[in-house]
PDB file of N, CA and C in Angstrom:
ATOM      1  N   MET A   1      84.717 139.753  39.207  1.00  0.00           N
ATOM      2  CA  MET A   1      84.702 141.152  39.709  1.00  0.00           C
ATOM      3  C   MET A   1      86.103 141.588  39.778  1.00  0.00           C
ATOM      4  N   THR A   2      87.038 140.949  40.327  1.00  0.00           N
ATOM      5  CA  THR A   2      88.258 141.553  40.635  1.00  0.00           C
ATOM      6  C   THR A   2      89.030 141.700  39.234  1.00  0.00           C
ATOM      7  N   HIS A   3      88.726 140.998  38.166  1.00  0.00           N
ATOM      8  CA  HIS A   3      89.397 141.336  36.763  1.00  0.00           C
ATOM      9  C   HIS A   3      88.796 142.598  36.286  1.00  0.00           C
ATOM     10  N   LEU A   4      87.634 142.754  36.557  1.00  0.00           N
ATOM     11  CA  LEU A   4      86.885 144.070  36.122  1.00  0.00           C
ATOM     12  C   LEU A   4      87.443 145.171  36.808  1.00  0.00           C
ATOM     13  N   MET A   5      87.783 145.200  38.101  1.00  0.00           N
ATOM     14  CA  MET A   5      88.307 146.271  38.841  1.00  0.00           C
ATOM     15  C   MET A   5      89.862 146.479  38.325  1.00  0.00           C
ATOM     16  N   ASN A   6      90.618 145.494  38.091  1.00  0.00           N
ATOM     17  CA  ASN A   6      91.887 145.432  37.581  1.00  0.00           C
ATOM     18  C   ASN A   6      91.931 146.213  36.268  1.00  0.00           C
ATOM     19  N   ASN A   7      90.965 145.908  35.371  1.00  0.00           N
ATOM     20  CA  ASN A   7      90.973 146.447  34.093  1.00  0.00           C
ATOM     21  C   ASN A   7      90.646 147.959  34.161  1.00  0.00           C
ATOM     22  N   LEU A   8      89.680 148.356  34.974  1.00  0.00           N
ATOM     23  CA  LEU A   8      89.341 149.771  35.403  1.00  0.00           C
ATOM     24  C   LEU A   8      90.473 150.474  35.876  1.00  0.00           C
ATOM     25  N   GLU A   9      91.123 149.931  36.823  1.00  0.00           N
ATOM     26  CA  GLU A   9      92.332 150.477  37.484  1.00  0.00           C
ATOM     27  C   GLU A   9      93.356 150.600  36.467  1.00  0.00           C
ATOM     28  N   GLY A  10      93.758 149.666  35.693  1.00  0.00           N
ATOM     29  CA  GLY A  10      94.654 149.749  34.699  1.00  0.00           C
ATOM     30  C   GLY A  10      94.387 150.818  33.555  1.00  0.00           C
ATOM     31  N   GLU A  11      93.086 150.931  33.275  1.00  0.00           N
ATOM     32  CA  GLU A  11      92.735 152.122  32.274  1.00  0.00           C
ATOM     33  C   GLU A  11      92.922 153.431  32.934  1.00  0.00           C
ATOM     34  N   ALA A  12      92.530 153.651  34.241  1.00  0.00           N
ATOM     35  CA  ALA A  12      92.750 154.832  34.879  1.00  0.00           C
ATOM     36  C   ALA A  12      94.379 155.238  34.835  1.00  0.00           C
ATOM     37  N   LEU A  13      95.000 154.282  35.359  1.00  0.00           N
ATOM     38  CA  LEU A  13      96.486 154.315  35.502  1.00  0.00           C
ATOM     39  C   LEU A  13      97.056 154.898  34.066  1.00  0.00           C
ATOM     40  N   GLN A  14      96.789 154.167  32.965  1.00  0.00           N
ATOM     41  CA  GLN A  14      97.166 154.520  31.790  1.00  0.00           C
ATOM     42  C   GLN A  14      96.768 155.924  31.363  1.00  0.00           C
ATOM     43  N   ARG A  15      95.541 156.278  31.655  1.00  0.00           N
ATOM     44  CA  ARG A  15      95.266 157.599  31.359  1.00  0.00           C
ATOM     45  C   ARG A  15      95.983 158.633  32.141  1.00  0.00           C
ATOM     46  N   LEU A  16      96.329 158.474  33.430  1.00  0.00           N
ATOM     47  CA  LEU A  16      96.978 159.244  34.191  1.00  0.00           C
ATOM     48  C   LEU A  16      98.576 159.377  33.761  1.00  0.00           C
ATOM     49  N   THR A  17      99.019 158.389  33.311  1.00  0.00           N
ATOM     50  CA  THR A  17     100.369 158.289  32.601  1.00  0.00           C
ATOM     51  C   THR A  17     100.431 159.026  31.431  1.00  0.00           C
ATOM     52  N   GLU A  18      99.478 158.729  30.544  1.00  0.00           N
ATOM     53  CA  GLU A  18      99.352 159.733  29.313  1.00  0.00           C
ATOM     54  C   GLU A  18      99.295 161.037  29.639  1.00  0.00           C
ATOM     55  N   GLN A  19      98.466 161.446  30.492  1.00  0.00           N
ATOM     56  CA  GLN A  19      98.406 163.005  30.826  1.00  0.00           C
ATOM     57  C   GLN A  19      99.737 163.497  31.467  1.00  0.00           C
ATOM     58  N   ARG A  20     100.373 162.674  32.119  1.00  0.00           N
ATOM     59  CA  ARG A  20     101.704 163.205  32.595  1.00  0.00           C
ATOM     60  C   ARG A  20     102.715 163.285  31.458  1.00  0.00           C
ATOM     61  N   HIS A  21     102.670 162.292  30.577  1.00  0.00           N
ATOM     62  CA  HIS A  21     103.635 162.550  29.387  1.00  0.00           C
ATOM     63  C   HIS A  21     103.266 163.692  28.536  1.00  0.00           C
ATOM     64  N   GLU A  22     102.053 164.096  28.503  1.00  0.00           N
ATOM     65  CA  GLU A  22     101.501 165.307  27.677  1.00  0.00           C
ATOM     66  C   GLU A  22     101.773 166.464  28.488  1.00  0.00           C
ATOM     67  N   GLY A  23     102.329 166.495  29.677  1.00  0.00           N
ATOM     68  CA  GLY A  23     102.724 167.649  30.437  1.00  0.00           C
ATOM     69  C   GLY A  23     101.661 168.264  31.287  1.00  0.00           C
ATOM     70  N   LEU A  24     100.595 167.500  31.336  1.00  0.00           N
ATOM     71  CA  LEU A  24      99.647 168.056  32.328  1.00  0.00           C
ATOM     72  C   LEU A  24     100.018 167.639  33.821  1.00  0.00           C
ATOM     73  N   ALA A  25     100.153 168.604  34.443  1.00  0.00           N
ATOM     74  CA  ALA A  25     100.624 168.524  35.789  1.00  0.00           C
ATOM     75  C   ALA A  25      99.495 167.944  36.705  1.00  0.00           C
ATOM     76  N   ILE A  26      99.813 167.105  37.683  1.00  0.00           N
ATOM     77  CA  ILE A  26      98.920 166.706  38.703  1.00  0.00           C
ATOM     78  C   ILE A  26      99.435 167.593  40.052  1.00  0.00           C
ATOM     79  N   THR A  27      98.498 167.890  40.817  1.00  0.00           N
ATOM     80  CA  THR A  27      98.598 168.830  41.825  1.00  0.00           C
ATOM     81  C   THR A  27      99.327 167.995  42.954  1.00  0.00           C
ATOM     82  N   PRO A  28      99.986 168.647  43.915  1.00  0.00           N
ATOM     83  CA  PRO A  28     100.529 167.965  44.900  1.00  0.00           C
ATOM     84  C   PRO A  28      99.541 167.230  45.929  1.00  0.00           C
ATOM     85  N   GLU A  29      98.240 167.862  46.006  1.00  0.00           N
ATOM     86  CA  GLU A  29      97.211 167.309  46.640  1.00  0.00           C
ATOM     87  C   GLU A  29      96.701 165.943  46.002  1.00  0.00           C
ATOM     88  N   MET A  30      96.615 165.991  44.639  1.00  0.00           N
ATOM     89  CA  MET A  30      96.234 164.816  43.885  1.00  0.00           C
ATOM     90  C   MET A  30      97.356 163.706  44.172  1.00  0.00           C
ATOM     91  N   GLU A  31      98.638 164.033  44.023  1.00  0.00           N
ATOM     92  CA  GLU A  31      99.685 163.059  44.218  1.00  0.00           C
ATOM     93  C   GLU A  31      99.578 162.540  45.595  1.00  0.00           C
ATOM     94  N   ASP A  32      99.130 163.266  46.751  1.00  0.00           N
ATOM     95  CA  ASP A  32      99.032 162.757  48.053  1.00  0.00           C
ATOM     96  C   ASP A  32      97.861 161.858  48.100  1.00  0.00           C
ATOM     97  N   LEU A  33      96.669 162.193  47.478  1.00  0.00           N
ATOM     98  CA  LEU A  33      95.638 161.273  47.284  1.00  0.00           C
ATOM     99  C   LEU A  33      95.947 160.000  46.595  1.00  0.00           C
ATOM    100  N   LEU A  34      96.712 160.090  45.542  1.00  0.00           N
ATOM    101  CA  LEU A  34      96.992 158.793  44.808  1.00  0.00           C
ATOM    102  C   LEU A  34      97.919 157.979  45.886  1.00  0.00           C
ATOM    103  N   ALA A  35      98.795 158.651  46.489  1.00  0.00           N
ATOM    104  CA  ALA A  35      99.799 157.927  47.267  1.00  0.00           C
ATOM    105  C   ALA A  35      98.974 157.122  48.406  1.00  0.00           C
ATOM    106  N   ALA A  36      97.995 157.712  48.880  1.00  0.00           N
ATOM    107  CA  ALA A  36      97.168 157.280  49.884  1.00  0.00           C
ATOM    108  C   ALA A  36      96.437 155.932  49.360  1.00  0.00           C
ATOM    109  N   ALA A  37      96.064 156.065  48.021  1.00  0.00           N
ATOM    110  CA  ALA A  37      95.469 154.849  47.581  1.00  0.00           C
ATOM    111  C   ALA A  37      96.506 153.817  46.977  1.00  0.00           C
ATOM    112  N   GLY A  38      97.860 154.020  47.156  1.00  0.00           N
ATOM    113  CA  GLY A  38      98.767 153.122  46.851  1.00  0.00           C
ATOM    114  C   GLY A  38      99.218 153.300  45.499  1.00  0.00           C
ATOM    115  N   ILE A  39      99.126 154.370  44.743  1.00  0.00           N
ATOM    116  CA  ILE A  39      99.436 154.594  43.428  1.00  0.00           C
ATOM    117  C   ILE A  39     100.457 155.561  43.340  1.00  0.00           C
ATOM    118  N   PHE A  40     101.669 155.165  42.684  1.00  0.00           N
ATOM    119  CA  PHE A  40     102.875 156.032  42.641  1.00  0.00           C
ATOM    120  C   PHE A  40     103.417 156.162  41.227  1.00  0.00           C
ATOM    121  N   TRP A  41     104.172 157.066  40.964  1.00  0.00           N
ATOM    122  CA  TRP A  41     104.896 157.286  39.753  1.00  0.00           C
ATOM    123  C   TRP A  41     106.245 156.697  39.631  1.00  0.00           C
ATOM    124  N   ASP A  42     106.426 155.821  38.660  1.00  0.00           N
ATOM    125  CA  ASP A  42     107.713 154.989  38.585  1.00  0.00           C
ATOM    126  C   ASP A  42     108.701 155.824  37.619  1.00  0.00           C
ATOM    127  N   GLU A  43     109.787 156.322  38.238  1.00  0.00           N
ATOM    128  CA  GLU A  43     110.672 157.127  37.514  1.00  0.00           C
ATOM    129  C   GLU A  43     111.355 156.516  36.409  1.00  0.00           C
ATOM    130  N   ILE A  44     111.697 154.967  36.684  1.00  0.00           N
ATOM    131  CA  ILE A  44     112.353 154.475  35.624  1.00  0.00           C
ATOM    132  C   ILE A  44     111.489 154.078  34.559  1.00  0.00           C
ATOM    133  N   SER A  45     110.370 153.461  34.608  1.00  0.00           N
ATOM    134  CA  SER A  45     109.397 153.167  33.653  1.00  0.00           C
ATOM    135  C   SER A  45     108.555 154.367  33.220  1.00  0.00           C
ATOM    136  N   GLU A  46     108.611 155.404  33.950  1.00  0.00           N
ATOM    137  CA  GLU A  46     107.793 156.472  33.571  1.00  0.00           C
ATOM    138  C   GLU A  46     106.275 156.206  33.403  1.00  0.00           C
ATOM    139  N   GLU A  47     105.674 155.684  34.426  1.00  0.00           N
ATOM    140  CA  GLU A  47     104.404 155.334  34.380  1.00  0.00           C
ATOM    141  C   GLU A  47     103.913 155.176  35.773  1.00  0.00           C
ATOM    142  N   TYR A  48     102.518 155.390  36.018  1.00  0.00           N
ATOM    143  CA  TYR A  48     101.901 155.120  37.359  1.00  0.00           C
ATOM    144  C   TYR A  48     101.660 153.664  37.515  1.00  0.00           C
ATOM    145  N   PHE A  49     101.812 153.254  38.667  1.00  0.00           N
ATOM    146  CA  PHE A  49     101.584 151.839  39.256  1.00  0.00           C
ATOM    147  C   PHE A  49     100.812 151.736  40.489  1.00  0.00           C
ATOM    148  N   SER A  50     100.241 150.577  40.489  1.00  0.00           N
ATOM    149  CA  SER A  50      99.395 150.294  41.853  1.00  0.00           C
ATOM    150  C   SER A  50     100.346 149.490  42.695  1.00  0.00           C
ATOM    151  N   VAL A  51     100.499 149.763  43.932  1.00  0.00           N
ATOM    152  CA  VAL A  51     101.306 148.730  44.891  1.00  0.00           C
ATOM    153  C   VAL A  51     100.422 147.458  44.976  1.00  0.00           C
ATOM    154  N   ASP A  52      99.106 147.623  45.170  1.00  0.00           N
ATOM    155  CA  ASP A  52      98.280 146.384  45.360  1.00  0.00           C
ATOM    156  C   ASP A  52      98.500 145.376  44.023  1.00  0.00           C
ATOM    157  N   ALA A  53      98.358 146.101  42.878  1.00  0.00           N
ATOM    158  CA  ALA A  53      98.500 145.122  41.674  1.00  0.00           C
ATOM    159  C   ALA A  53      99.920 144.518  41.491  1.00  0.00           C
ATOM    160  N   VAL A  54     100.915 145.264  42.142  1.00  0.00           N
ATOM    161  CA  VAL A  54     102.375 144.531  42.146  1.00  0.00           C
ATOM    162  C   VAL A  54     102.363 143.418  43.170  1.00  0.00           C
ATOM    163  N   LEU A  55     101.698 143.667  44.295  1.00  0.00           N
ATOM    164  CA  LEU A  55     101.858 142.601  45.327  1.00  0.00           C
ATOM    165  C   LEU A  55     100.823 141.324  44.976  1.00  0.00           C
ATOM    166  N   VAL A  56      99.758 141.582  44.245  1.00  0.00           N
ATOM    167  CA  VAL A  56      98.853 140.477  43.722  1.00  0.00           C
ATOM    168  C   VAL A  56     100.010 139.668  42.722  1.00  0.00           C
ATOM    169  N   LYS A  57     100.408 140.372  41.748  1.00  0.00           N
ATOM    170  CA  LYS A  57     101.434 139.619  40.914  1.00  0.00           C
ATOM    171  C   LYS A  57     102.422 138.795  41.531  1.00  0.00           C
ATOM    172  N   VAL A  58     103.026 139.380  42.487  1.00  0.00           N
ATOM    173  CA  VAL A  58     104.123 138.742  43.183  1.00  0.00           C
ATOM    174  C   VAL A  58     103.690 137.596  43.873  1.00  0.00           C
ATOM    175  N   MET A  59     102.452 137.790  44.510  1.00  0.00           N
ATOM    176  CA  MET A  59     101.921 136.598  45.393  1.00  0.00           C
ATOM    177  C   MET A  59     101.608 135.373  44.530  1.00  0.00           C
ATOM    178  N   ARG A  60     100.900 135.786  43.269  1.00  0.00           N
ATOM    179  CA  ARG A  60     100.596 134.626  42.278  1.00  0.00           C
ATOM    180  C   ARG A  60     101.807 133.888  41.706  1.00  0.00           C
ATOM    181  N   GLU A  61     102.862 134.673  41.412  1.00  0.00           N
ATOM    182  CA  GLU A  61     104.162 134.132  40.998  1.00  0.00           C
ATOM    183  C   GLU A  61     104.753 133.301  42.129  1.00  0.00           C
ATOM    184  N   THR A  62     104.805 133.653  43.247  1.00  0.00           N
ATOM    185  CA  THR A  62     105.335 132.867  44.429  1.00  0.00           C
ATOM    186  C   THR A  62     104.505 131.648  44.626  1.00  0.00           C
ATOM    187  N   VAL A  63     103.203 131.710  44.664  1.00  0.00           N
ATOM    188  CA  VAL A  63     102.389 130.550  44.800  1.00  0.00           C
ATOM    189  C   VAL A  63     102.850 129.542  43.635  1.00  0.00           C
ATOM    190  N   GLU A  64     102.716 129.852  42.392  1.00  0.00           N
ATOM    191  CA  GLU A  64     102.965 129.054  41.316  1.00  0.00           C
ATOM    192  C   GLU A  64     104.282 128.377  41.392  1.00  0.00           C
ATOM    193  N   LYS A  65     105.384 129.231  41.722  1.00  0.00           N
ATOM    194  CA  LYS A  65     106.795 128.881  41.818  1.00  0.00           C
ATOM    195  C   LYS A  65     107.006 127.786  43.025  1.00  0.00           C
ATOM    196  N   HIS A  66     106.257 128.008  44.191  1.00  0.00           N
ATOM    197  CA  HIS A  66     106.541 127.136  45.454  1.00  0.00           C
ATOM    198  C   HIS A  66     105.543 126.073  45.554  1.00  0.00           C
ATOM    199  N   SER A  67     104.506 126.075  44.834  1.00  0.00           N
ATOM    200  CA  SER A  67     103.402 125.055  44.875  1.00  0.00           C
ATOM    201  C   SER A  67     103.698 123.677  44.280  1.00  0.00           C
ATOM    202  N   ASN A  68     103.457 122.768  44.838  1.00  0.00           N
ATOM    203  CA  ASN A  68     103.563 121.442  44.221  1.00  0.00           C
ATOM    204  C   ASN A  68     102.135 120.921  43.663  1.00  0.00           C
ATOM    205  N   TYR A  69     101.618 121.420  42.406  1.00  0.00           N
ATOM    206  CA  TYR A  69     100.461 121.030  41.822  1.00  0.00           C
ATOM    207  C   TYR A  69     100.371 119.488  41.675  1.00  0.00           C
ATOM    208  N   THR A  70     101.362 118.898  41.106  1.00  0.00           N
ATOM    209  CA  THR A  70     101.404 117.360  40.813  1.00  0.00           C
ATOM    210  C   THR A  70     100.858 116.549  41.933  1.00  0.00           C
ATOM    211  N   ASN A  71     101.097 117.011  43.219  1.00  0.00           N
ATOM    212  CA  ASN A  71     100.734 116.148  44.444  1.00  0.00           C
ATOM    213  C   ASN A  71      99.338 116.464  44.872  1.00  0.00           C
ATOM    214  N   LEU A  72      98.643 117.300  44.425  1.00  0.00           N
ATOM    215  CA  LEU A  72      97.375 117.886  44.934  1.00  0.00           C
ATOM    216  C   LEU A  72      96.210 116.797  44.651  1.00  0.00           C
ATOM    217  N   ASP A  73      96.379 116.031  43.523  1.00  0.00           N
ATOM    218  CA  ASP A  73      95.418 115.099  43.072  1.00  0.00           C
ATOM    219  C   ASP A  73      95.617 113.616  43.648  1.00  0.00           C
ATOM    220  N   HIS A  74      96.659 113.356  44.257  1.00  0.00           N
ATOM    221  CA  HIS A  74      96.974 112.216  44.773  1.00  0.00           C
ATOM    222  C   HIS A  74      96.823 112.029  46.265  1.00  0.00           C
TER     223      HIS A  74
END
């Protein structure tokens, strides 16, 4: 289920990004709504991103880096 939500969110963020690149402006009210949902415009990458998605990625990478999987079976 989480994978499905991430795919839907990714597609929506991609559409928002494409619209912005095409010059379709988002109203300040819509920007506020996106910000309340944790979605922001990245000025460097020039794309919308979800803070939640970034945090999940960082947490997974941290667990993988600092977990000792070899000792779990022993």
